[in-house]
Amino acid sequence: MRMATNNNADLEALHHLNRRYIDAVQAGDVDCFKEILAETFYCSNPDGSFVDRDGFLAQTAEKTKIADLRAHDVLIRLFGEIAVVHAHTSYLLNNRRQSKGRYTDVWLRVDGKWKAISAHVTRC
């Protein structure tokens, strides 16, 4: 698969979607995820569980156990109609202890719109 040249409009859209994704995790914003997740979305969670879109929406609706979630060193790679987003995160646990993690999200352009199709999340 050939890596596409940097398309500024796509990169801008994906950076915006990445910020929305992080904000939606922190806020438990199920409606946002209903909009940006593909019907075929799957997620590997930090605890090793593997959930489909409905499972992810259900866990998003639960009260979050972290605060001040931030993404750092976001790297977006474009491969035509597919994009891969890598980043690391920092956040506070309920006991206010600082923690960190990493994630990789895969996006697919569907009918001209980017939709998240896969996520893999780790916590350190």
N, C-alpha and C. Protein backbone atom coordinates (compact mmCIF):
# COMPACT_ATOMS: atom_id res chain seq x y z
N MET A 1 0.85 -1.17 0.00
CA MET A 1 0.00 0.00 0.00
C MET A 1 0.89 1.23 0.00
N ARG A 2 0.59 2.16 -0.86
CA ARG A 2 1.37 3.39 -1.00
C ARG A 2 0.91 4.42 0.02
N MET A 3 1.86 5.05 0.70
CA MET A 3 1.53 6.11 1.64
C MET A 3 1.22 7.38 0.84
N ALA A 4 0.06 7.97 1.11
CA ALA A 4 -0.36 9.15 0.36
C ALA A 4 0.49 10.35 0.75
N THR A 5 0.56 11.30 -0.18
CA THR A 5 1.24 12.54 0.15
C THR A 5 0.40 13.27 1.19
N ASN A 6 1.02 14.15 1.95
CA ASN A 6 0.30 14.89 2.98
C ASN A 6 -0.81 15.71 2.35
N ASN A 7 -2.01 15.40 2.70
CA ASN A 7 -3.17 16.14 2.25
C ASN A 7 -3.61 17.00 3.43
N ASN A 8 -3.36 18.30 3.34
CA ASN A 8 -3.62 19.19 4.47
C ASN A 8 -5.06 19.15 4.95
N ALA A 9 -6.03 19.08 4.04
CA ALA A 9 -7.44 19.04 4.45
C ALA A 9 -7.73 17.77 5.24
N ASP A 10 -7.21 16.64 4.78
CA ASP A 10 -7.42 15.38 5.52
C ASP A 10 -6.72 15.41 6.87
N LEU A 11 -5.48 15.90 6.89
CA LEU A 11 -4.75 15.97 8.16
C LEU A 11 -5.47 16.88 9.16
N GLU A 12 -5.95 18.01 8.68
CA GLU A 12 -6.69 18.92 9.56
C GLU A 12 -7.95 18.25 10.09
N ALA A 13 -8.69 17.59 9.21
CA ALA A 13 -9.92 16.90 9.63
C ALA A 13 -9.62 15.81 10.65
N LEU A 14 -8.55 15.05 10.42
CA LEU A 14 -8.21 13.97 11.33
C LEU A 14 -7.69 14.49 12.67
N HIS A 15 -6.95 15.58 12.68
CA HIS A 15 -6.54 16.19 13.95
C HIS A 15 -7.77 16.64 14.73
N HIS A 16 -8.72 17.23 14.04
CA HIS A 16 -9.96 17.66 14.69
C HIS A 16 -10.73 16.45 15.25
N LEU A 17 -10.85 15.40 14.46
CA LEU A 17 -11.55 14.20 14.92
C LEU A 17 -10.82 13.55 16.10
N ASN A 18 -9.50 13.56 16.06
CA ASN A 18 -8.74 13.01 17.17
C ASN A 18 -9.01 13.78 18.46
N ARG A 19 -9.06 15.12 18.37
CA ARG A 19 -9.38 15.93 19.55
C ARG A 19 -10.80 15.63 20.04
N ARG A 20 -11.74 15.52 19.11
CA ARG A 20 -13.12 15.19 19.48
C ARG A 20 -13.19 13.84 20.18
N TYR A 21 -12.44 12.87 19.67
CA TYR A 21 -12.40 11.53 20.24
C TYR A 21 -11.91 11.59 21.70
N ILE A 22 -10.79 12.26 21.92
CA ILE A 22 -10.24 12.38 23.27
C ILE A 22 -11.22 13.10 24.19
N ASP A 23 -11.79 14.20 23.72
CA ASP A 23 -12.77 14.95 24.52
C ASP A 23 -13.99 14.08 24.84
N ALA A 24 -14.43 13.27 23.87
CA ALA A 24 -15.60 12.41 24.08
C ALA A 24 -15.31 11.32 25.10
N VAL A 25 -14.09 10.78 25.09
CA VAL A 25 -13.71 9.80 26.11
C VAL A 25 -13.83 10.44 27.49
N GLN A 26 -13.23 11.63 27.65
CA GLN A 26 -13.23 12.30 28.95
C GLN A 26 -14.64 12.65 29.40
N ALA A 27 -15.49 13.10 28.48
CA ALA A 27 -16.85 13.56 28.83
C ALA A 27 -17.88 12.44 28.82
N GLY A 28 -17.50 11.25 28.36
CA GLY A 28 -18.48 10.18 28.24
C GLY A 28 -19.55 10.52 27.20
N ASP A 29 -19.13 11.16 26.12
CA ASP A 29 -20.04 11.67 25.10
C ASP A 29 -20.40 10.59 24.07
N VAL A 30 -21.42 9.82 24.40
CA VAL A 30 -21.87 8.73 23.56
C VAL A 30 -22.35 9.25 22.21
N ASP A 31 -23.04 10.39 22.20
CA ASP A 31 -23.55 10.94 20.94
C ASP A 31 -22.43 11.27 19.96
N CYS A 32 -21.33 11.79 20.47
CA CYS A 32 -20.19 12.07 19.60
C CYS A 32 -19.68 10.77 18.98
N PHE A 33 -19.55 9.73 19.80
CA PHE A 33 -19.06 8.47 19.27
C PHE A 33 -20.03 7.84 18.29
N LYS A 34 -21.33 8.01 18.50
CA LYS A 34 -22.30 7.50 17.53
C LYS A 34 -22.08 8.13 16.16
N GLU A 35 -21.60 9.36 16.16
CA GLU A 35 -21.34 10.09 14.92
C GLU A 35 -20.03 9.68 14.26
N ILE A 36 -18.97 9.49 15.04
CA ILE A 36 -17.65 9.31 14.44
C ILE A 36 -17.18 7.86 14.34
N LEU A 37 -17.87 6.93 14.97
CA LEU A 37 -17.47 5.52 14.88
C LEU A 37 -18.21 4.83 13.73
N ALA A 38 -17.48 4.05 12.96
CA ALA A 38 -18.10 3.23 11.92
C ALA A 38 -18.93 2.13 12.59
N GLU A 39 -19.90 1.62 11.87
CA GLU A 39 -20.72 0.51 12.38
C GLU A 39 -19.86 -0.71 12.67
N THR A 40 -18.74 -0.84 11.98
CA THR A 40 -17.85 -1.99 12.11
C THR A 40 -16.72 -1.77 13.11
N PHE A 41 -16.80 -0.72 13.94
CA PHE A 41 -15.75 -0.36 14.90
C PHE A 41 -15.52 -1.46 15.94
N TYR A 42 -14.24 -1.68 16.29
CA TYR A 42 -13.84 -2.55 17.40
C TYR A 42 -12.73 -1.85 18.19
N CYS A 43 -12.67 -2.18 19.49
CA CYS A 43 -11.66 -1.58 20.36
C CYS A 43 -11.04 -2.63 21.26
N SER A 44 -9.70 -2.60 21.34
CA SER A 44 -8.96 -3.37 22.33
C SER A 44 -8.73 -2.45 23.52
N ASN A 45 -9.29 -2.80 24.66
CA ASN A 45 -9.20 -1.97 25.87
C ASN A 45 -7.93 -2.26 26.66
N PRO A 46 -7.55 -1.33 27.54
CA PRO A 46 -6.34 -1.52 28.35
C PRO A 46 -6.36 -2.78 29.20
N ASP A 47 -7.56 -3.26 29.59
CA ASP A 47 -7.64 -4.46 30.41
C ASP A 47 -7.59 -5.74 29.59
N GLY A 48 -7.43 -5.60 28.26
CA GLY A 48 -7.35 -6.76 27.38
C GLY A 48 -8.68 -7.17 26.77
N SER A 49 -9.76 -6.54 27.20
CA SER A 49 -11.06 -6.88 26.62
C SER A 49 -11.16 -6.31 25.20
N PHE A 50 -12.03 -6.90 24.43
CA PHE A 50 -12.21 -6.54 23.03
C PHE A 50 -13.70 -6.30 22.82
N VAL A 51 -14.08 -5.08 22.43
CA VAL A 51 -15.50 -4.74 22.31
C VAL A 51 -15.83 -4.21 20.92
N ASP A 52 -17.06 -4.46 20.52
CA ASP A 52 -17.54 -3.90 19.27
C ASP A 52 -18.09 -2.50 19.53
N ARG A 53 -18.67 -1.89 18.53
CA ARG A 53 -19.17 -0.52 18.64
C ARG A 53 -20.18 -0.39 19.79
N ASP A 54 -21.15 -1.30 19.85
CA ASP A 54 -22.15 -1.22 20.92
C ASP A 54 -21.52 -1.36 22.31
N GLY A 55 -20.56 -2.26 22.44
CA GLY A 55 -19.86 -2.42 23.72
C GLY A 55 -19.07 -1.18 24.08
N PHE A 56 -18.45 -0.56 23.09
CA PHE A 56 -17.69 0.66 23.33
C PHE A 56 -18.62 1.80 23.75
N LEU A 57 -19.77 1.91 23.10
CA LEU A 57 -20.74 2.95 23.47
C LEU A 57 -21.23 2.73 24.89
N ALA A 58 -21.47 1.48 25.26
CA ALA A 58 -21.93 1.17 26.62
C ALA A 58 -20.87 1.53 27.66
N GLN A 59 -19.61 1.21 27.38
CA GLN A 59 -18.57 1.54 28.36
C GLN A 59 -18.32 3.05 28.41
N THR A 60 -18.52 3.74 27.31
CA THR A 60 -18.37 5.20 27.28
C THR A 60 -19.43 5.87 28.15
N ALA A 61 -20.62 5.29 28.20
CA ALA A 61 -21.72 5.86 28.99
C ALA A 61 -21.48 5.75 30.49
N GLU A 62 -20.57 4.84 30.91
CA GLU A 62 -20.25 4.70 32.33
C GLU A 62 -19.40 5.88 32.79
N LYS A 63 -19.49 6.18 34.08
CA LYS A 63 -18.70 7.29 34.63
C LYS A 63 -17.21 7.02 34.43
N THR A 64 -16.52 8.00 33.88
CA THR A 64 -15.09 7.84 33.62
C THR A 64 -14.29 7.79 34.92
N LYS A 65 -13.22 7.03 34.90
CA LYS A 65 -12.37 6.85 36.09
C LYS A 65 -11.09 7.66 35.99
N ILE A 66 -11.02 8.53 34.98
CA ILE A 66 -9.84 9.36 34.80
C ILE A 66 -10.25 10.82 34.60
N ALA A 67 -9.28 11.71 34.80
CA ALA A 67 -9.53 13.14 34.60
C ALA A 67 -8.36 13.74 33.82
N ASP A 68 -8.60 14.90 33.25
CA ASP A 68 -7.56 15.67 32.57
C ASP A 68 -6.84 14.86 31.49
N LEU A 69 -7.62 14.12 30.69
CA LEU A 69 -7.06 13.31 29.62
C LEU A 69 -6.52 14.21 28.51
N ARG A 70 -5.28 13.96 28.14
CA ARG A 70 -4.63 14.74 27.08
C ARG A 70 -3.85 13.81 26.15
N ALA A 71 -3.86 14.17 24.85
CA ALA A 71 -3.08 13.44 23.86
C ALA A 71 -1.81 14.23 23.56
N HIS A 72 -0.71 13.52 23.40
CA HIS A 72 0.60 14.13 23.14
C HIS A 72 1.26 13.45 21.94
N ASP A 73 2.10 14.22 21.25
CA ASP A 73 2.91 13.67 20.15
C ASP A 73 2.04 12.89 19.16
N VAL A 74 0.94 13.51 18.74
CA VAL A 74 0.01 12.87 17.81
C VAL A 74 0.68 12.75 16.44
N LEU A 75 0.70 11.54 15.92
CA LEU A 75 1.24 11.26 14.60
C LEU A 75 0.11 10.69 13.75
N ILE A 76 -0.19 11.34 12.65
CA ILE A 76 -1.23 10.87 11.74
C ILE A 76 -0.57 10.48 10.43
N ARG A 77 -0.81 9.23 10.01
CA ARG A 77 -0.26 8.74 8.75
C ARG A 77 -1.42 8.43 7.81
N LEU A 78 -1.35 8.96 6.60
CA LEU A 78 -2.38 8.75 5.59
C LEU A 78 -1.95 7.69 4.58
N PHE A 79 -2.87 6.79 4.27
CA PHE A 79 -2.65 5.75 3.28
C PHE A 79 -3.88 5.71 2.38
N GLY A 80 -4.04 6.72 1.57
CA GLY A 80 -5.21 6.79 0.70
C GLY A 80 -6.48 7.03 1.50
N GLU A 81 -7.34 6.02 1.52
CA GLU A 81 -8.63 6.13 2.21
C GLU A 81 -8.55 5.67 3.67
N ILE A 82 -7.35 5.35 4.13
CA ILE A 82 -7.12 4.88 5.50
C ILE A 82 -6.14 5.83 6.18
N ALA A 83 -6.38 6.08 7.46
CA ALA A 83 -5.46 6.88 8.27
C ALA A 83 -5.21 6.14 9.58
N VAL A 84 -3.98 6.24 10.06
CA VAL A 84 -3.61 5.65 11.34
C VAL A 84 -3.12 6.78 12.24
N VAL A 85 -3.69 6.83 13.44
CA VAL A 85 -3.33 7.86 14.42
C VAL A 85 -2.63 7.18 15.60
N HIS A 86 -1.43 7.66 15.91
CA HIS A 86 -0.68 7.17 17.08
C HIS A 86 -0.50 8.36 18.03
N ALA A 87 -0.56 8.11 19.32
CA ALA A 87 -0.28 9.17 20.29
C ALA A 87 -0.06 8.54 21.66
N HIS A 88 0.48 9.34 22.55
CA HIS A 88 0.50 8.90 23.95
C HIS A 88 -0.40 9.84 24.74
N THR A 89 -0.82 9.38 25.88
CA THR A 89 -1.77 10.13 26.70
C THR A 89 -1.21 10.36 28.10
N SER A 90 -1.73 11.39 28.71
CA SER A 90 -1.51 11.61 30.15
C SER A 90 -2.88 11.88 30.75
N TYR A 91 -3.05 11.49 32.00
CA TYR A 91 -4.34 11.67 32.68
C TYR A 91 -4.13 11.47 34.18
N LEU A 92 -5.13 11.85 34.93
CA LEU A 92 -5.13 11.67 36.37
C LEU A 92 -6.09 10.55 36.74
N LEU A 93 -5.65 9.66 37.62
CA LEU A 93 -6.52 8.62 38.14
C LEU A 93 -7.40 9.22 39.24
N ASN A 94 -8.37 8.44 39.72
CA ASN A 94 -9.27 8.93 40.77
C ASN A 94 -8.53 9.40 42.01
N ASN A 95 -7.39 8.78 42.31
CA ASN A 95 -6.61 9.19 43.48
C ASN A 95 -5.71 10.39 43.18
N ARG A 96 -5.92 11.01 42.01
CA ARG A 96 -5.18 12.19 41.54
C ARG A 96 -3.74 11.87 41.17
N ARG A 97 -3.40 10.59 41.08
CA ARG A 97 -2.07 10.19 40.66
C ARG A 97 -1.96 10.30 39.14
N GLN A 98 -0.86 10.88 38.67
CA GLN A 98 -0.61 11.03 37.24
C GLN A 98 -0.33 9.67 36.62
N SER A 99 -0.90 9.44 35.45
CA SER A 99 -0.63 8.20 34.73
C SER A 99 -0.52 8.49 33.24
N LYS A 100 -0.20 7.46 32.47
CA LYS A 100 -0.03 7.67 31.04
C LYS A 100 -0.39 6.41 30.28
N GLY A 101 -0.46 6.55 28.97
CA GLY A 101 -0.77 5.41 28.11
C GLY A 101 -0.46 5.74 26.66
N ARG A 102 -0.90 4.85 25.77
CA ARG A 102 -0.74 5.05 24.33
C ARG A 102 -2.01 4.56 23.65
N TYR A 103 -2.23 5.08 22.45
CA TYR A 103 -3.33 4.55 21.64
C TYR A 103 -2.97 4.61 20.17
N THR A 104 -3.60 3.72 19.43
CA THR A 104 -3.54 3.71 17.98
C THR A 104 -4.97 3.58 17.49
N ASP A 105 -5.40 4.52 16.67
CA ASP A 105 -6.73 4.49 16.08
C ASP A 105 -6.59 4.37 14.57
N VAL A 106 -7.49 3.64 13.97
CA VAL A 106 -7.52 3.51 12.51
C VAL A 106 -8.82 4.12 12.01
N TRP A 107 -8.69 4.97 11.01
CA TRP A 107 -9.82 5.67 10.40
C TRP A 107 -9.95 5.28 8.94
N LEU A 108 -11.18 5.24 8.46
CA LEU A 108 -11.47 4.91 7.07
C LEU A 108 -12.39 5.98 6.51
N ARG A 109 -12.09 6.44 5.30
CA ARG A 109 -12.97 7.41 4.66
C ARG A 109 -14.18 6.65 4.09
N VAL A 110 -15.37 6.98 4.60
CA VAL A 110 -16.61 6.33 4.19
C VAL A 110 -17.54 7.41 3.64
N ASP A 111 -17.89 7.31 2.39
CA ASP A 111 -18.76 8.31 1.75
C ASP A 111 -18.26 9.73 1.99
N GLY A 112 -16.94 9.92 1.89
CA GLY A 112 -16.34 11.25 2.02
C GLY A 112 -16.10 11.71 3.45
N LYS A 113 -16.46 10.89 4.44
CA LYS A 113 -16.26 11.26 5.86
C LYS A 113 -15.36 10.24 6.53
N TRP A 114 -14.47 10.73 7.39
CA TRP A 114 -13.60 9.84 8.16
C TRP A 114 -14.39 9.23 9.30
N LYS A 115 -14.30 7.89 9.43
CA LYS A 115 -14.95 7.14 10.51
C LYS A 115 -13.90 6.26 11.19
N ALA A 116 -13.94 6.23 12.52
CA ALA A 116 -13.02 5.36 13.26
C ALA A 116 -13.50 3.92 13.10
N ILE A 117 -12.57 3.03 12.72
CA ILE A 117 -12.92 1.63 12.55
C ILE A 117 -12.24 0.73 13.58
N SER A 118 -11.19 1.24 14.24
CA SER A 118 -10.45 0.42 15.19
C SER A 118 -9.71 1.31 16.17
N ALA A 119 -9.61 0.82 17.40
CA ALA A 119 -8.82 1.50 18.44
C ALA A 119 -8.11 0.47 19.28
N HIS A 120 -6.90 0.79 19.70
CA HIS A 120 -6.14 -0.05 20.61
C HIS A 120 -5.57 0.88 21.68
N VAL A 121 -5.89 0.62 22.93
CA VAL A 121 -5.53 1.52 24.03
C VAL A 121 -4.72 0.75 25.07
N THR A 122 -3.62 1.37 25.52
CA THR A 122 -2.83 0.79 26.61
C THR A 122 -2.66 1.84 27.70
N ARG A 123 -2.46 1.37 28.90
CA ARG A 123 -2.16 2.26 30.03
C ARG A 123 -0.93 1.74 30.74
N CYS A 124 -0.10 2.67 31.20
CA CYS A 124 1.15 2.29 31.87
C CYS A 124 1.01 2.50 33.37
